[in-house]
Protein backbone atom coordinates (compact mmCIF):
# COMPACT_ATOMS: atom_id res chain seq x y z
CA MET A 1 -0.09 -0.05 0.16
CA ARG A 2 3.06 2.38 0.46
CA ILE A 3 5.22 3.72 -2.33
CA VAL A 4 9.04 3.10 -1.68
CA ALA A 5 10.93 6.55 -0.79
CA PRO A 6 13.39 7.74 1.87
CA ARG A 7 12.13 8.24 5.65
CA LEU A 8 10.24 11.46 6.05
CA ALA A 9 12.60 12.97 8.62
CA THR A 10 15.41 13.19 5.91
CA VAL A 11 13.18 14.42 2.95
CA ALA A 12 11.47 16.95 5.06
CA THR A 13 14.69 18.40 6.52
CA PHE A 14 16.07 18.65 3.01
CA ALA A 15 12.90 20.13 1.64
CA LEU A 16 12.75 22.85 4.23
CA ALA A 17 16.45 23.52 4.02
CA ALA A 18 16.08 23.91 0.22
CA VAL A 19 13.28 26.46 0.56
CA GLY A 20 14.74 28.25 3.59
CA CYS A 21 13.22 28.68 7.01
CA SER A 22 12.39 32.04 8.46
CA ASP A 23 10.88 33.31 11.67
CA ASP A 24 8.93 35.70 9.73
CA PRO A 25 5.22 34.86 9.42
CA VAL A 26 3.99 33.92 6.08
CA ASP A 27 1.37 36.57 4.67
CA VAL A 28 -1.01 34.23 3.54
CA ASP A 29 -3.37 36.96 2.07
CA ASP A 30 -0.66 37.58 -0.46
CA THR A 31 0.50 34.08 -1.07
CA SER A 32 -1.17 31.75 -3.62
CA LEU A 33 -0.79 28.03 -2.98
CA SER A 34 -2.21 27.03 -6.22
CA GLY A 35 0.00 24.83 -8.58
CA GLY A 36 2.05 21.58 -8.36
CA TRP A 37 3.25 20.52 -5.06
CA THR A 38 5.17 17.14 -3.91
CA MET A 39 3.54 15.76 -0.77
CA ILE A 40 5.37 13.21 1.49
CA VAL A 41 3.24 11.34 3.80
CA ASP A 42 4.92 9.25 6.78
CA VAL A 43 2.54 6.87 8.68
CA THR A 44 3.17 7.45 12.31
CA ALA A 45 0.38 5.28 13.83
CA ALA A 46 -1.49 2.56 12.28
CA THR A 47 -4.32 0.77 14.03
CA GLY A 48 -6.34 -2.47 13.71
CA ALA A 49 -6.00 -4.00 10.44
CA CYS A 50 -3.32 -1.63 9.28
CA ALA A 51 -0.91 -2.07 12.33
CA GLY A 52 2.65 -2.27 10.99
CA GLU A 53 2.30 0.47 8.28
CA GLU A 54 4.30 2.85 10.25
CA LEU A 55 7.26 0.56 9.66
CA GLU A 56 6.80 0.92 5.73
CA PRO A 57 8.45 3.53 3.60
CA VAL A 58 6.99 6.83 3.07
CA ASP A 59 4.44 7.94 0.29
CA THR A 60 5.82 10.54 -2.08
CA ILE A 61 3.05 11.85 -4.47
CA GLN A 62 2.57 14.69 -6.72
CA VAL A 63 -0.48 16.93 -6.20
CA ASN A 64 -2.06 19.83 -7.52
CA ILE A 65 -3.48 22.71 -5.16
CA THR A 66 -6.26 24.82 -6.56
CA GLN A 67 -6.93 27.85 -4.19
CA GLN A 68 -9.93 30.15 -4.79
CA GLY A 69 -9.88 32.76 -1.84
CA ASN A 70 -9.75 30.64 1.22
CA SER A 71 -11.33 27.58 -0.57
CA MET A 72 -8.64 24.78 -1.14
CA THR A 73 -8.95 21.47 -3.28
CA ILE A 74 -5.90 19.19 -3.38
CA THR A 75 -5.93 16.83 -6.28
CA GLY A 76 -3.87 13.84 -6.28
CA PRO A 77 -3.55 10.11 -6.77
CA PHE A 78 -5.04 9.24 -3.38
CA GLY A 79 -6.04 5.81 -3.10
CA ASP A 80 -6.74 3.37 -6.05
CA ALA A 81 -9.25 5.24 -8.33
CA GLY A 82 -6.72 7.61 -9.83
CA SER A 83 -7.24 11.15 -9.35
CA GLN A 84 -9.20 12.17 -6.11
CA ASN A 85 -9.99 15.57 -4.48
CA LEU A 86 -9.52 16.47 -0.87
CA ASN A 87 -11.53 19.91 -0.26
CA GLY A 88 -11.33 22.29 2.55
CA ASN A 89 -10.01 25.79 3.49
CA LEU A 90 -7.28 27.93 4.29
CA THR A 91 -7.59 29.63 7.67
CA SER A 92 -4.78 31.92 9.44
CA GLY A 93 -2.20 29.93 7.68
CA VAL A 94 -3.58 26.48 8.00
CA VAL A 95 -4.76 24.38 5.23
CA SER A 96 -7.40 21.82 6.34
CA VAL A 97 -8.67 19.56 3.74
CA GLY A 98 -10.39 16.22 3.76
CA GLY A 99 -12.32 13.36 1.86
CA SER A 100 -12.81 9.75 1.35
CA TYR A 101 -11.46 7.57 -1.51
CA PRO A 102 -11.40 3.92 -2.46
CA GLU A 103 -8.19 2.00 -1.37
CA ASP A 104 -7.19 -1.58 -1.27
CA GLY A 105 -10.84 -2.80 -1.57
CA GLY A 106 -12.13 -0.51 1.15
CA THR A 107 -12.41 3.23 1.80
CA THR A 108 -10.03 5.64 3.38
CA THR A 109 -11.24 8.85 5.06
CA ALA A 110 -8.40 11.45 5.53
CA THR A 111 -8.06 14.89 6.92
CA HIS A 112 -4.90 16.82 6.33
CA THR A 113 -3.86 19.83 8.66
CA LEU A 114 -1.04 21.60 7.13
CA THR A 115 0.51 24.82 8.25
CA VAL A 116 2.05 27.19 5.67
CA VAL A 117 5.78 27.47 6.46
CA SER A 118 6.50 29.67 3.26
CA ALA A 119 5.05 30.10 -0.24
CA ASP A 120 6.79 27.03 -1.16
CA SER A 121 6.41 24.62 1.85
CA MET A 122 3.69 23.23 4.40
CA SER A 123 4.00 20.81 7.15
CA GLY A 124 1.55 19.04 9.37
CA THR A 125 -0.40 15.89 9.95
CA GLU A 126 -3.05 13.57 8.46
CA ALA A 127 -5.62 11.78 10.55
CA TRP A 128 -7.02 8.82 8.72
CA SER A 129 -9.15 5.76 8.81
CA TRP A 130 -9.64 2.70 6.55
CA THR A 131 -12.64 0.26 6.53
CA GLY A 132 -12.80 -2.79 4.19
CA PRO A 133 -12.29 -6.42 3.88
CA GLY A 134 -10.56 -7.76 6.79
CA GLY A 135 -11.06 -5.03 9.25
CA SER A 136 -10.63 -1.41 9.75
CA CYS A 137 -7.92 0.92 10.94
CA PRO A 138 -9.72 3.89 13.14
CA GLY A 139 -7.61 6.68 14.48
CA SER A 140 -4.41 6.32 12.38
CA THR A 141 -2.10 9.31 11.80
CA SER A 142 0.65 10.35 9.52
CA ASP A 143 3.13 13.22 9.29
CA VAL A 144 3.04 15.30 6.03
CA ALA A 145 5.40 17.62 4.48
CA ALA A 146 4.58 19.33 1.06
CA PHE A 147 7.01 21.45 -1.06
CA ARG A 148 7.18 22.97 -4.60
C-alpha cells in the first residue's frame, strides 16, 4: 500500500532547507498556494488491520492545489481510483482538507491539517481511517510535508 521512498525526516529536513526557513510569519493573504506540489506522507500510527504500516517506507506523491480565496482543493493520486480531491479551506495560515476515496478494496477517509511555512512549503499531520475487507484502521495518523 505504500510507495518506496526515503524516510520522512530526511526528506522533510532537506525540503525545508532547500526553500529556507524563517521566523517571519507567512502573509497568506498575499500567497497563492495554487500549483504543483510534492507531498510526502509518513505513517506514524496505524491501528487495527493496518498495524505495522508505520514501519513501511513513506509515500511521495505529486498533487495539484487549487486555491480560490480561502477555498482549497488538493487533487492527487489518493487511493486506488486515480485522481481524487481533498476539499477544505485555508484559515490563518492553516490548510485543512479532507475526503474519502477507495483504497485496497475498502474506503480511506483522511483529513490533512497543514501549516503554511512559506510560499513553497507546508507541514503538518493527516488523521486517517480505513474500512474494508478484513477489518478497519480507526484513529491512524501520518506526518505530512509538502513543497514545490
